[in-house]
C-alpha atoms as a PDB file:
ATOM      1  CA  MET A   1      -0.112   0.133  -0.118  1.00  0.00           C
ATOM      2  CA  ASN A   2       0.872   2.921  -0.918  1.00  0.00           C
ATOM      3  CA  ALA A   3       1.133   6.944   0.748  1.00  0.00           C
ATOM      4  CA  ALA A   4      -2.151   7.469  -1.093  1.00  0.00           C
ATOM      5  CA  GLU A   5      -3.448   4.564  -1.215  1.00  0.00           C
ATOM      6  CA  PHE A   6      -3.110   4.283   3.188  1.00  0.00           C
ATOM      7  CA  PHE A   7      -4.632   8.243   2.987  1.00  0.00           C
ATOM      8  CA  LYS A   8      -7.368   7.050   1.061  1.00  0.00           C
ATOM      9  CA  GLY A   9      -8.450   4.081   1.900  1.00  0.00           C
ATOM     10  CA  VAL A  10      -7.585   3.844   5.885  1.00  0.00           C
ATOM     11  CA  ALA A  11      -6.890   7.770   7.660  1.00  0.00           C
ATOM     12  CA  GLU A  12      -9.339   9.455   5.170  1.00  0.00           C
ATOM     13  CA  ARG A  13     -12.217   6.778   5.612  1.00  0.00           C
ATOM     14  CA  ASN A  14     -11.337   7.287   9.379  1.00  0.00           C
ATOM     15  CA  TYR A  15     -11.011  10.846   9.361  1.00  0.00           C
ATOM     16  CA  GLU A  16     -14.920  10.205   7.788  1.00  0.00           C
ATOM     17  CA  GLU A  17     -16.180   7.685  10.582  1.00  0.00           C
ATOM     18  CA  PHE A  18     -15.481  10.084  13.030  1.00  0.00           C
ATOM     19  CA  GLU A  19     -17.444  13.322  11.318  1.00  0.00           C
ATOM     20  CA  ASN A  20     -19.807  11.065  10.983  1.00  0.00           C
ATOM     21  CA  SER A  21     -19.949  10.037  14.743  1.00  0.00           C
ATOM     22  CA  PRO A  22     -18.230  13.466  15.997  1.00  0.00           C
ATOM     23  CA  GLU A  23     -19.461  12.251  19.916  1.00  0.00           C
ATOM     24  CA  ASP A  24     -18.099   9.110  19.605  1.00  0.00           C
ATOM     25  CA  LEU A  25     -14.244   9.344  21.369  1.00  0.00           C
ATOM     26  CA  LYS A  26     -13.152   6.089  19.951  1.00  0.00           C
ATOM     27  CA  SER A  27     -13.728   7.514  16.561  1.00  0.00           C
ATOM     28  CA  LEU A  28     -11.719  10.428  17.306  1.00  0.00           C
ATOM     29  CA  TRP A  29      -8.679   7.967  18.276  1.00  0.00           C
ATOM     30  CA  ASN A  30      -8.789   6.002  15.280  1.00  0.00           C
ATOM     31  CA  SER A  31      -8.459   9.012  13.043  1.00  0.00           C
ATOM     32  CA  VAL A  32      -5.993  11.122  15.062  1.00  0.00           C
ATOM     33  CA  VAL A  33      -3.613   7.965  15.436  1.00  0.00           C
ATOM     34  CA  SER A  34      -3.874   7.071  11.635  1.00  0.00           C
ATOM     35  CA  MET A  35      -3.867  10.170  10.400  1.00  0.00           C
ATOM     36  CA  ASN A  36      -0.561  10.780  11.718  1.00  0.00           C
ATOM     37  CA  THR A  37       0.537   7.666  10.363  1.00  0.00           C
ATOM     38  CA  VAL A  38       0.478   9.709   6.802  1.00  0.00           C
ATOM     39  CA  ALA A  39       3.415  11.362   7.544  1.00  0.00           C
ATOM     40  CA  GLU A  40       5.681   8.058   7.497  1.00  0.00           C
ATOM     41  CA  TYR A  41       4.022   6.932   4.399  1.00  0.00           C
ATOM     42  CA  LEU A  42       4.964  10.330   2.864  1.00  0.00           C
ATOM     43  CA  ALA A  43       7.860  10.056   3.880  1.00  0.00           C
ATOM     44  CA  LEU A  44       8.557   6.476   2.269  1.00  0.00           C
ATOM     45  CA  ASP A  45       7.250   7.822  -0.778  1.00  0.00           C
ATOM     46  CA  GLN A  46       9.479  10.586  -0.870  1.00  0.00           C
ATOM     47  CA  ILE A  47      12.315   8.774  -0.680  1.00  0.00           C
ATOM     48  CA  GLY A  48      11.379   5.752  -3.221  1.00  0.00           C
ATOM     49  CA  TYR A  49       9.966   2.619  -0.864  1.00  0.00           C
ATOM     50  CA  THR A  50      13.789   1.799  -0.357  1.00  0.00           C
ATOM     51  CA  GLN A  51      14.850  -0.221   2.229  1.00  0.00           C
ATOM     52  CA  VAL A  52      16.173   2.759   4.580  1.00  0.00           C
ATOM     53  CA  PRO A  53      17.729   2.188   8.320  1.00  0.00           C
ATOM     54  CA  ARG A  54      15.069   3.816  10.538  1.00  0.00           C
ATOM     55  CA  ALA A  55      16.603   6.879  11.454  1.00  0.00           C
ATOM     56  CA  VAL A  56      16.698   7.836   7.500  1.00  0.00           C
ATOM     57  CA  LEU A  57      13.219   7.461   7.563  1.00  0.00           C
ATOM     58  CA  ASP A  58      12.726   8.981  10.757  1.00  0.00           C
ATOM     59  CA  GLU A  59      14.536  11.750   9.547  1.00  0.00           C
ATOM     60  CA  GLN A  60      12.209  12.456   6.470  1.00  0.00           C
ATOM     61  CA  THR A  61       9.559  12.250   8.473  1.00  0.00           C
ATOM     62  CA  LYS A  62      10.668  14.726  10.666  1.00  0.00           C
ATOM     63  CA  LYS A  63      11.342  16.920   7.721  1.00  0.00           C
ATOM     64  CA  ILE A  64       7.590  16.975   6.554  1.00  0.00           C
ATOM     65  CA  ARG A  65       6.547  16.961  10.641  1.00  0.00           C
ATOM     66  CA  ASP A  66       8.704  19.920  10.705  1.00  0.00           C
ATOM     67  CA  LYS A  67       7.361  21.222   7.193  1.00  0.00           C
ATOM     68  CA  HIS A  68       3.380  21.611   8.474  1.00  0.00           C
ATOM     69  CA  LYS A  69       3.040  22.724  12.120  1.00  0.00           C
ATOM     70  CA  SER A  70      -0.996  20.697  11.906  1.00  0.00           C
ATOM     71  CA  LEU A  71       1.208  17.716  11.338  1.00  0.00           C
ATOM     72  CA  SER A  72       3.758  18.230  14.135  1.00  0.00           C
ATOM     73  CA  ASP A  73       0.862  18.812  16.498  1.00  0.00           C
ATOM     74  CA  LEU A  74      -0.970  15.680  15.172  1.00  0.00           C
ATOM     75  CA  LYS A  75       2.359  13.960  16.067  1.00  0.00           C
ATOM     76  CA  PHE A  76       2.177  14.869  19.936  1.00  0.00           C
ATOM     77  CA  CYS A  77      -1.450  14.107  20.522  1.00  0.00           C
ATOM     78  CA  ALA A  78      -1.410  11.056  18.845  1.00  0.00           C
ATOM     79  CA  ASP A  79       1.562   9.619  20.479  1.00  0.00           C
ATOM     80  CA  THR A  80       0.365  11.028  24.085  1.00  0.00           C
ATOM     81  CA  LEU A  81      -2.834   8.966  23.381  1.00  0.00           C
ATOM     82  CA  LYS A  82      -0.793   5.961  22.184  1.00  0.00           C
ATOM     83  CA  HIS A  83       1.550   5.962  25.023  1.00  0.00           C
ATOM     84  CA  VAL A  84      -0.820   7.466  27.612  1.00  0.00           C
ATOM     85  CA  ARG A  85       1.289  10.200  28.444  1.00  0.00           C
ATOM     86  CA  LYS A  86       4.257  12.148  26.920  1.00  0.00           C
ATOM     87  CA  ILE A  87       7.298  11.858  28.759  1.00  0.00           C
ATOM     88  CA  LYS A  88      10.363  13.750  28.637  1.00  0.00           C
ATOM     89  CA  ASP A  89      13.951  11.745  29.143  1.00  0.00           C
ATOM     90  CA  GLN A  90      15.671  13.827  31.264  1.00  0.00           C
ATOM     91  CA  ARG A  91      19.777  12.199  31.161  1.00  0.00           C
ATOM     92  CA  ASN A  92      21.164  11.381  34.596  1.00  0.00           C
ATOM     93  CA  ALA A  93      17.687  13.209  35.568  1.00  0.00           C
ATOM     94  CA  GLN A  94      14.078  12.348  36.453  1.00  0.00           C
ATOM     95  CA  PHE A  95      11.328  12.315  34.224  1.00  0.00           C
ATOM     96  CA  THR A  96       9.145  14.241  33.131  1.00  0.00           C
ATOM     97  CA  THR A  97       5.895  14.074  32.508  1.00  0.00           C
ATOM     98  CA  VAL A  98       4.987  16.886  29.543  1.00  0.00           C
ATOM     99  CA  ALA A  99       0.993  15.495  28.916  1.00  0.00           C
ATOM    100  CA  THR A 100      -0.839  12.832  29.390  1.00  0.00           C
ATOM    101  CA  SER A 101      -4.395  12.101  27.813  1.00  0.00           C
ATOM    102  CA  THR A 102      -5.970  10.080  31.229  1.00  0.00           C
ATOM    103  CA  SER A 103      -7.754  13.122  31.549  1.00  0.00           C
ATOM    104  CA  VAL A 104      -9.977  12.318  27.958  1.00  0.00           C
ATOM    105  CA  SER A 105     -12.981  11.477  28.809  1.00  0.00           C
ATOM    106  CA  TYR A 106     -15.482   8.894  26.993  1.00  0.00           C
ATOM    107  CA  ASP A 107     -18.715  10.969  27.888  1.00  0.00           C
ATOM    108  CA  ASP A 108     -17.109  14.326  27.988  1.00  0.00           C
ATOM    109  CA  ARG A 109     -16.088  16.059  24.499  1.00  0.00           C
ATOM    110  CA  THR A 110     -15.294  18.783  26.341  1.00  0.00           C
ATOM    111  CA  SER A 111     -12.007  17.179  27.720  1.00  0.00           C
ATOM    112  CA  TRP A 112     -11.172  16.297  24.325  1.00  0.00           C
ATOM    113  CA  LYS A 113      -7.813  18.357  25.436  1.00  0.00           C
ATOM    114  CA  ILE A 114      -4.105  16.915  25.199  1.00  0.00           C
ATOM    115  CA  ASP A 115      -1.988  19.889  26.650  1.00  0.00           C
ATOM    116  CA  GLY A 116      -3.887  22.768  25.416  1.00  0.00           C
ATOM    117  CA  PHE A 117      -4.431  21.270  22.438  1.00  0.00           C
ATOM    118  CA  ASP A 118      -8.322  20.716  21.033  1.00  0.00           C
ATOM    119  CA  LEU A 119      -7.768  16.806  19.680  1.00  0.00           C
ATOM    120  CA  VAL A 120     -10.853  17.528  17.064  1.00  0.00           C
ATOM    121  CA  GLN A 121      -8.603  20.573  16.142  1.00  0.00           C
ATOM    122  CA  VAL A 122      -5.926  19.662  15.216  1.00  0.00           C
ATOM    123  CA  LEU A 123      -7.070  16.529  13.522  1.00  0.00           C
ATOM    124  CA  GLN A 124      -9.294  18.520  11.576  1.00  0.00           C
ATOM    125  CA  GLN A 125      -6.176  20.823  10.325  1.00  0.00           C
ATOM    126  CA  ALA A 126      -4.174  18.030   9.647  1.00  0.00           C
ATOM    127  CA  TYR A 127      -6.902  16.601   7.421  1.00  0.00           C
ATOM    128  CA  ILE A 128      -6.637  19.874   5.543  1.00  0.00           C
ATOM    129  CA  THR A 129      -2.914  19.575   5.182  1.00  0.00           C
ATOM    130  CA  LEU A 130      -2.925  16.398   4.127  1.00  0.00           C
ATOM    131  CA  ASN A 131      -5.881  16.544   1.591  1.00  0.00           C
ATOM    132  CA  GLU A 132      -4.445  19.198  -0.008  1.00  0.00           C
ATOM    133  CA  THR A 133      -0.470  17.095  -0.411  1.00  0.00           C
ATOM    134  CA  PRO A 134      -0.280  16.421  -4.118  1.00  0.00           C
ATOM    135  CA  GLU A 135       1.581  12.987  -3.224  1.00  0.00           C
ATOM    136  CA  LEU A 136      -1.786  11.655  -1.606  1.00  0.00           C
ATOM    137  CA  THR A 137      -4.433  12.605  -5.028  1.00  0.00           C
END
């Protein structure tokens, strides 16, 4: 599956599912996480789907996210949802919790925020960015 296929077949379909059920946290979670993965698919597309070390893929993906703030914001939120807490590892010091998703409540849409980011707005902005990306059409 290439980047356009993943975007159209997985991420965009998850996004549409959320848009059709905007009170469903599961749909939001699925959409945020799958939409975040599109940047990696784009990176693979840009390097021609060749076998590369993880560091090379990570660097290319970082360039894509650095170019579009909405994708960086999406990564922050997706990582926090997936790992429950965003933790900064400080060498030779204590870990510091940067953000947590434990305050997100299934039944309270007003709680769908992580460290000041509104999950719905972050998702919508990322979708707009990706939907306008030529490689994904």
